[in-house]
Amino acid sequence: MAITSPADGARTAPGGPPPPRRLPLPPLIAALAAGLLLSLACGVAMGYSGLTWGAVFGYLRAGLTGGTIAPDEVSAYTIVWELRFPRALLAAIVGAGLSAIGVAVQAMVRNALADPFVLGISSGAAVGANAVLIFGALGALGVWALSAAAFAAALAAMALVYAAARTPQGLTPLRLVLTGTAMYYGFSAISTLMVFSSDRAEAARSAMMWLLGSLGGASWDSVPIAAGAVLAGLAHLAFSARRLNALAMGDETAAALGVDAGRLRKQLFVTAAGVTGAVVAVSGAIGFVGLMVPHITRMLVGADHRRVLAVAPLLGAVLLVWVDIISRVLLAPVELPIGVITAVVGVPCFVLLMRRRGYTFGGA
């Protein structure tokens, strides 16, 4: 008989392979926090312009303290403070948000292959973004047009998925997955049709770049919105961590432990949709982060959501900052879509996790 526990990351039968060793939480969090600071520094310093580390940190100091710079350094200062720094911060925010929502969605639908995009929210946001990039919709909003259209379309997609998946008995995991998957393909087809119907090559190229994920449009204006949505989502998930442990074991077990599974699933659905819509609006559709980071985190610290939600956002932030660096410098000055890099990294990681003894995806 298998040995199970709501806080165990891997379940094994007597005589089977031992569960993976869990790392102590405080040192791991401290190491990831230090790694995130170092990654942000590298994200600002590394690039095609050839600026030295000393010059980069000088411009950062001037930006943070309100210092002055020489007139001939304005262009270099703009590259560091107005382009690279907000881009690195946004990469960390998006990585943290996608990773945390990946944890929540996998618990919500009890499916180890679920990620933030399984609900169809990202493909819905893509329709709104393409309407701006290709047809110039919401032009009156100026620089806010893309983010506003993507977020509004994401919320509309959320409402559509909710209406289609809801039954008198509430939201069930299977109906959510099936409905979200169907909507994903439907919205993706609409986005593809919009791209191919465009007679503007540059607009179609921008739309395809956005569909594959890109932080090329990062600015200080987009950082507060994404940060606020991600912080609110993280706060709600941290508050719900114990209930997520119960939900992951099934609705009957959750009810026996005093958790209203239907109500919690609705709350998680709204949280996932809101955070996914906010980050997709500023970064495009970036895959594999919300799928892989939760599994890697469980391999390190076990499946207790209190531990997973403390580590996964930091790990996802570090990962996406480095993915963004690679996308900028690998074929510089050409910038690669971030989604291409995450897929190249994610597929081998996925295969390695499948081959790893002692780890069961998402639990028993």
Protein backbone atom coordinates (compact mmCIF):
# COMPACT_ATOMS: atom_id res chain seq x y z
CA MET A 1 0.00 0.00 0.00
CA ALA A 2 1.40 3.40 -0.95
CA ILE A 3 2.36 5.79 1.81
CA THR A 4 0.66 9.15 1.26
CA SER A 5 0.65 12.48 3.02
CA PRO A 6 -0.67 15.86 1.91
CA ALA A 7 2.74 17.43 2.47
CA ASP A 8 4.81 14.77 0.75
CA GLY A 9 6.37 15.59 -2.61
CA ALA A 10 6.85 11.99 -3.72
CA ARG A 11 4.88 8.93 -2.63
CA THR A 12 6.61 5.61 -2.65
CA ALA A 13 5.66 2.09 -1.76
CA PRO A 14 7.74 0.16 0.79
CA GLY A 15 10.81 -1.17 -0.94
CA GLY A 16 10.53 1.36 -3.78
CA PRO A 17 12.93 4.17 -4.59
CA PRO A 18 13.44 6.68 -1.78
CA PRO A 19 11.74 10.07 -2.08
CA PRO A 20 13.93 12.95 -3.23
CA ARG A 21 15.79 14.73 -0.47
CA ARG A 22 14.25 18.05 0.48
CA LEU A 23 16.41 21.10 0.87
CA PRO A 24 16.13 23.24 4.03
CA LEU A 25 13.77 26.11 3.27
CA PRO A 26 15.48 29.19 4.82
CA PRO A 27 18.90 28.66 3.16
CA LEU A 28 17.23 27.89 -0.17
CA ILE A 29 15.12 31.07 -0.04
CA ALA A 30 18.17 33.12 0.93
CA ALA A 31 20.21 31.62 -1.91
CA LEU A 32 17.44 32.26 -4.45
CA ALA A 33 16.96 35.84 -3.23
CA ALA A 34 20.71 36.49 -3.59
CA GLY A 35 20.64 34.77 -6.99
CA LEU A 36 17.75 37.00 -8.07
CA LEU A 37 19.67 40.16 -7.14
CA LEU A 38 22.71 38.90 -9.05
CA SER A 39 20.53 37.94 -12.01
CA LEU A 40 18.94 41.40 -12.10
CA ALA A 41 22.40 42.96 -12.08
CA CYS A 42 23.44 40.75 -14.98
CA GLY A 43 20.22 41.52 -16.80
CA VAL A 44 20.98 45.23 -16.63
CA ALA A 45 24.71 44.95 -17.38
CA MET A 46 24.69 42.40 -20.20
CA GLY A 47 23.69 43.46 -23.68
CA TYR A 48 24.71 44.39 -27.20
CA SER A 49 25.70 48.00 -26.45
CA GLY A 50 29.05 47.02 -24.89
CA LEU A 51 28.75 49.12 -21.73
CA THR A 52 31.14 48.26 -18.92
CA TRP A 53 29.88 47.01 -15.56
CA GLY A 54 31.28 50.09 -13.86
CA ALA A 55 29.39 52.42 -16.19
CA VAL A 56 26.17 50.41 -15.79
CA PHE A 57 26.25 50.56 -11.99
CA GLY A 58 27.12 54.26 -12.16
CA TYR A 59 24.00 54.92 -14.22
CA LEU A 60 21.91 52.78 -11.86
CA ARG A 61 23.20 54.75 -8.89
CA ALA A 62 22.38 58.00 -10.68
CA GLY A 63 18.87 56.77 -11.45
CA LEU A 64 18.18 55.50 -7.93
CA THR A 65 19.60 58.53 -6.12
CA GLY A 66 18.69 61.25 -8.58
CA GLY A 67 22.33 61.97 -9.42
CA THR A 68 23.58 63.83 -12.47
CA ILE A 69 25.28 62.50 -15.59
CA ALA A 70 27.34 64.13 -18.32
CA PRO A 71 25.53 65.26 -21.50
CA ASP A 72 27.47 62.78 -23.64
CA GLU A 73 26.26 59.90 -21.46
CA VAL A 74 22.54 60.50 -21.90
CA SER A 75 22.06 57.78 -24.52
CA ALA A 76 23.94 55.18 -22.46
CA TYR A 77 22.01 56.20 -19.33
CA THR A 78 18.74 55.82 -21.24
CA ILE A 79 19.70 52.30 -22.33
CA VAL A 80 20.42 51.25 -18.74
CA TRP A 81 17.71 53.10 -16.80
CA GLU A 82 14.83 53.31 -19.28
CA LEU A 83 15.27 50.04 -21.19
CA ARG A 84 17.32 47.37 -19.43
CA PHE A 85 16.40 47.95 -15.78
CA PRO A 86 12.59 47.92 -16.19
CA ARG A 87 12.95 44.99 -18.58
CA ALA A 88 14.92 42.94 -16.02
CA LEU A 89 12.42 43.82 -13.28
CA LEU A 90 9.50 42.89 -15.52
CA ALA A 91 11.14 39.55 -16.40
CA ALA A 92 11.42 38.74 -12.68
CA ILE A 93 7.81 39.80 -12.03
CA VAL A 94 6.42 37.78 -14.94
CA GLY A 95 8.49 34.71 -14.01
CA ALA A 96 7.30 34.87 -10.40
CA GLY A 97 3.67 35.31 -11.43
CA LEU A 98 3.61 32.50 -13.98
CA SER A 99 5.33 30.11 -11.56
CA ALA A 100 2.97 30.82 -8.67
CA ILE A 101 -0.12 30.58 -10.86
CA GLY A 102 1.22 27.32 -12.29
CA VAL A 103 1.26 25.91 -8.75
CA ALA A 104 -2.31 27.10 -8.15
CA VAL A 105 -3.70 25.80 -11.45
CA GLN A 106 -2.13 22.36 -11.00
CA ALA A 107 -3.78 22.10 -7.58
CA MET A 108 -7.06 23.56 -8.83
CA VAL A 109 -7.54 21.09 -11.68
CA ARG A 110 -5.50 18.28 -10.10
CA ASN A 111 -3.56 17.84 -13.32
CA ALA A 112 0.23 17.66 -13.35
CA LEU A 113 0.35 18.94 -16.94
CA ALA A 114 -1.66 22.08 -16.22
CA ASP A 115 -0.15 25.55 -16.44
CA PRO A 116 -1.50 29.13 -16.51
CA PHE A 117 -2.41 28.78 -20.18
CA VAL A 118 -4.62 25.70 -19.78
CA LEU A 119 -7.56 27.97 -18.92
CA GLY A 120 -7.44 29.70 -22.31
CA ILE A 121 -6.71 33.10 -20.74
CA SER A 122 -3.41 33.69 -22.56
CA SER A 123 -4.83 32.92 -26.00
CA GLY A 124 -7.76 35.22 -25.26
CA ALA A 125 -5.33 38.00 -24.35
CA ALA A 126 -3.52 37.36 -27.63
CA VAL A 127 -6.68 38.21 -29.58
CA GLY A 128 -6.87 41.60 -27.87
CA ALA A 129 -3.15 42.27 -28.38
CA ASN A 130 -3.34 41.37 -32.06
CA ALA A 131 -6.29 43.72 -32.51
CA VAL A 132 -3.99 46.55 -31.41
CA LEU A 133 -0.82 45.44 -33.21
CA ILE A 134 -2.46 44.60 -36.52
CA PHE A 135 -5.59 46.75 -36.74
CA GLY A 136 -4.69 49.65 -34.45
CA ALA A 137 -7.61 49.14 -32.06
CA LEU A 138 -7.89 51.39 -28.98
CA GLY A 139 -5.47 53.84 -30.54
CA ALA A 140 -6.83 56.61 -28.29
CA LEU A 141 -5.14 54.94 -25.30
CA GLY A 142 -1.69 55.48 -26.77
CA VAL A 143 1.07 53.44 -25.07
CA TRP A 144 -1.55 51.77 -22.86
CA ALA A 145 -3.49 50.35 -25.80
CA LEU A 146 -1.69 47.00 -26.00
CA SER A 147 -1.80 46.23 -22.28
CA ALA A 148 -5.40 47.41 -21.93
CA ALA A 149 -6.62 45.37 -24.90
CA ALA A 150 -4.78 42.22 -23.81
CA PHE A 151 -6.02 42.47 -20.24
CA ALA A 152 -9.61 43.20 -21.28
CA ALA A 153 -9.57 40.27 -23.71
CA ALA A 154 -8.12 38.02 -20.98
CA LEU A 155 -10.98 38.94 -18.63
CA ALA A 156 -13.50 38.32 -21.42
CA ALA A 157 -11.94 34.92 -22.08
CA MET A 158 -12.10 34.16 -18.34
CA ALA A 159 -15.81 34.99 -18.28
CA LEU A 160 -16.44 32.82 -21.34
CA VAL A 161 -14.53 29.85 -19.93
CA TYR A 162 -16.30 30.20 -16.58
CA ALA A 163 -19.74 30.36 -18.21
CA ALA A 164 -19.03 27.32 -20.40
CA ALA A 165 -17.45 25.20 -17.64
CA ARG A 166 -19.84 26.01 -14.81
CA THR A 167 -22.51 23.48 -13.86
CA PRO A 168 -25.16 23.50 -11.13
CA GLN A 169 -22.66 21.50 -9.07
CA GLY A 170 -19.96 24.14 -9.53
CA LEU A 171 -16.61 24.09 -11.36
CA THR A 172 -15.17 20.60 -11.79
CA PRO A 173 -11.49 20.03 -12.67
CA LEU A 174 -12.22 17.99 -15.80
CA ARG A 175 -14.69 20.52 -17.24
CA LEU A 176 -12.25 23.37 -16.55
CA VAL A 177 -9.41 21.60 -18.36
CA LEU A 178 -11.54 20.56 -21.34
CA THR A 179 -13.23 23.95 -21.68
CA GLY A 180 -9.97 25.87 -21.26
CA THR A 181 -8.19 23.69 -23.80
CA ALA A 182 -10.99 24.08 -26.33
CA MET A 183 -11.03 27.85 -25.86
CA TYR A 184 -7.24 27.95 -26.16
CA TYR A 185 -7.37 26.40 -29.63
CA GLY A 186 -10.29 28.57 -30.64
CA PHE A 187 -8.62 31.84 -29.60
CA SER A 188 -5.32 30.71 -31.13
CA ALA A 189 -7.06 30.10 -34.43
CA ILE A 190 -8.55 33.60 -34.33
CA SER A 191 -5.11 35.10 -33.59
CA THR A 192 -3.52 33.19 -36.47
CA LEU A 193 -6.30 34.31 -38.81
CA MET A 194 -5.73 37.93 -37.77
CA VAL A 195 -1.99 37.65 -38.48
CA PHE A 196 -2.46 36.10 -41.93
CA SER A 197 -5.16 38.59 -42.87
CA SER A 198 -2.88 41.56 -42.22
CA ASP A 199 -1.43 43.35 -45.23
CA ARG A 200 1.21 45.04 -43.05
CA ALA A 201 4.29 42.84 -42.79
CA GLU A 202 5.82 44.71 -39.86
CA ALA A 203 2.57 44.57 -37.87
CA ALA A 204 2.26 40.83 -38.52
CA ARG A 205 5.87 40.32 -37.42
CA SER A 206 5.24 42.25 -34.19
CA ALA A 207 2.14 40.16 -33.52
CA MET A 208 4.03 36.90 -34.04
CA MET A 209 6.82 38.12 -31.76
CA TRP A 210 4.27 38.94 -29.07
CA LEU A 211 2.53 35.58 -29.47
CA LEU A 212 5.86 33.84 -28.79
CA GLY A 213 6.64 36.04 -25.79
CA SER A 214 8.72 39.19 -25.70
CA LEU A 215 9.75 41.83 -23.17
CA GLY A 216 10.96 44.19 -25.88
CA GLY A 217 8.21 46.69 -25.03
CA ALA A 218 9.05 46.82 -21.31
CA SER A 219 8.92 50.25 -19.71
CA TRP A 220 8.51 51.77 -16.28
CA ASP A 221 4.80 52.28 -17.03
CA SER A 222 4.18 48.54 -17.26
CA VAL A 223 6.10 47.54 -14.13
CA PRO A 224 3.63 48.77 -11.43
CA ILE A 225 0.61 47.14 -13.06
CA ALA A 226 2.24 43.73 -13.41
CA ALA A 227 3.87 43.97 -9.98
CA GLY A 228 0.59 44.88 -8.28
CA ALA A 229 -1.30 42.00 -9.90
CA VAL A 230 1.43 39.46 -9.09
CA LEU A 231 1.81 40.62 -5.46
CA ALA A 232 -1.96 40.46 -4.93
CA GLY A 233 -2.04 36.96 -6.43
CA LEU A 234 0.90 35.78 -4.30
CA ALA A 235 -0.75 37.14 -1.15
CA HIS A 236 -3.98 35.27 -1.88
CA LEU A 237 -2.17 32.04 -2.69
CA ALA A 238 -0.03 32.25 0.45
CA PHE A 239 -3.21 32.74 2.50
CA SER A 240 -4.76 29.70 0.76
CA ALA A 241 -1.71 27.39 0.95
CA ARG A 242 -3.18 25.02 3.55
CA ARG A 243 -6.44 24.75 1.64
CA LEU A 244 -4.48 24.03 -1.55
CA ASN A 245 -2.94 21.02 0.21
CA ALA A 246 -6.43 19.71 0.88
CA LEU A 247 -7.75 20.52 -2.61
CA ALA A 248 -4.87 18.67 -4.24
CA MET A 249 -6.02 15.46 -2.53
CA GLY A 250 -9.53 15.59 -4.00
CA ASP A 251 -12.85 17.24 -3.27
CA GLU A 252 -14.03 14.54 -0.87
CA THR A 253 -10.86 14.77 1.22
CA ALA A 254 -11.03 18.56 1.13
CA ALA A 255 -14.63 18.49 2.36
CA ALA A 256 -13.66 16.13 5.17
CA LEU A 257 -10.98 18.65 6.20
CA GLY A 258 -13.49 21.51 6.21
CA VAL A 259 -12.51 23.07 2.86
CA ASP A 260 -15.23 24.15 0.43
CA ALA A 261 -13.61 22.89 -2.78
CA GLY A 262 -16.08 24.59 -5.11
CA ARG A 263 -15.69 28.00 -3.50
CA LEU A 264 -11.91 27.72 -3.36
CA ARG A 265 -11.76 26.66 -7.01
CA LYS A 266 -13.74 29.76 -8.02
CA GLN A 267 -11.35 31.99 -6.04
CA LEU A 268 -8.33 30.33 -7.62
CA PHE A 269 -9.87 30.66 -11.07
CA VAL A 270 -10.31 34.42 -10.64
CA THR A 271 -6.80 34.80 -9.19
CA ALA A 272 -5.22 32.77 -11.99
CA ALA A 273 -7.11 34.67 -14.66
CA GLY A 274 -6.28 38.08 -13.21
CA VAL A 275 -2.56 37.42 -12.76
CA THR A 276 -2.20 35.61 -16.08
CA GLY A 277 -4.02 38.40 -17.90
CA ALA A 278 -1.83 41.06 -16.28
CA VAL A 279 1.50 39.38 -17.05
CA VAL A 280 0.51 38.24 -20.54
CA ALA A 281 -0.54 41.81 -21.30
CA VAL A 282 3.03 43.03 -20.77
CA SER A 283 5.07 40.02 -21.92
CA GLY A 284 3.06 38.05 -24.44
CA ALA A 285 2.50 34.30 -24.21
CA ILE A 286 5.50 32.69 -22.49
CA GLY A 287 5.13 28.95 -22.14
CA PHE A 288 6.73 26.24 -19.99
CA VAL A 289 7.54 28.49 -16.99
CA GLY A 290 4.23 27.81 -15.24
CA LEU A 291 4.48 24.12 -16.10
CA MET A 292 8.08 23.32 -15.20
CA VAL A 293 8.92 25.56 -12.23
CA PRO A 294 6.25 24.04 -9.92
CA HIS A 295 7.57 20.54 -10.62
CA ILE A 296 11.20 21.53 -10.09
CA THR A 297 10.19 23.24 -6.85
CA ARG A 298 8.36 20.17 -5.56
CA MET A 299 11.41 18.11 -6.37
CA LEU A 300 13.46 20.44 -4.15
CA VAL A 301 11.12 21.08 -1.21
CA GLY A 302 8.23 18.60 -1.39
CA ALA A 303 4.58 19.18 -2.29
CA ASP A 304 3.44 21.15 0.76
CA HIS A 305 2.07 24.31 -0.85
CA ARG A 306 3.35 26.47 1.99
CA ARG A 307 6.88 25.50 0.98
CA VAL A 308 6.24 25.41 -2.76
CA LEU A 309 4.72 28.91 -2.85
CA ALA A 310 7.67 30.28 -0.89
CA VAL A 311 10.20 28.97 -3.43
CA ALA A 312 8.49 28.77 -6.84
CA PRO A 313 8.11 32.55 -7.43
CA LEU A 314 11.80 33.18 -6.67
CA LEU A 315 12.89 30.29 -8.86
CA GLY A 316 10.64 31.42 -11.70
CA ALA A 317 11.91 35.00 -11.41
CA VAL A 318 15.55 33.91 -11.64
CA LEU A 319 14.79 31.60 -14.55
CA LEU A 320 12.98 34.18 -16.66
CA VAL A 321 15.58 36.91 -16.07
CA TRP A 322 18.25 34.59 -17.50
CA VAL A 323 15.98 33.48 -20.34
CA ASP A 324 15.51 37.12 -21.26
CA ILE A 325 19.28 37.69 -21.15
CA ILE A 326 19.82 34.74 -23.48
CA SER A 327 17.13 35.96 -25.86
CA ARG A 328 18.92 39.32 -26.16
CA VAL A 329 22.55 38.24 -26.44
CA LEU A 330 22.49 34.85 -28.18
CA LEU A 331 22.03 36.22 -31.70
CA ALA A 332 22.57 39.93 -30.96
CA PRO A 333 21.54 42.34 -32.32
CA VAL A 334 18.61 40.10 -33.31
CA GLU A 335 16.29 39.40 -30.39
CA LEU A 336 14.80 35.92 -30.05
CA PRO A 337 11.26 35.36 -28.71
CA ILE A 338 11.36 34.35 -25.05
CA GLY A 339 8.91 31.50 -25.64
CA VAL A 340 11.41 29.84 -27.98
CA ILE A 341 14.10 29.84 -25.26
CA THR A 342 11.73 28.54 -22.56
CA ALA A 343 10.66 25.70 -24.86
CA VAL A 344 14.27 24.79 -25.69
CA VAL A 345 15.09 24.70 -21.97
CA GLY A 346 11.76 23.26 -20.82
CA VAL A 347 11.53 20.20 -23.03
CA PRO A 348 14.84 18.61 -21.84
CA CYS A 349 13.96 19.47 -18.22
CA PHE A 350 10.58 17.83 -18.67
CA VAL A 351 12.17 14.66 -20.04
CA LEU A 352 14.74 14.57 -17.22
CA LEU A 353 12.00 14.92 -14.61
CA MET A 354 10.08 12.06 -16.22
CA ARG A 355 13.19 9.90 -16.06
CA ARG A 356 14.06 10.82 -12.48
CA ARG A 357 13.49 8.02 -10.00
CA GLY A 358 11.60 8.82 -6.84
CA TYR A 359 9.60 11.73 -8.25
CA THR A 360 5.97 11.48 -9.25
CA PHE A 361 4.53 14.41 -11.20
CA GLY A 362 2.23 16.35 -8.92
CA GLY A 363 2.09 13.60 -6.32
CA ALA A 364 0.51 10.17 -6.33
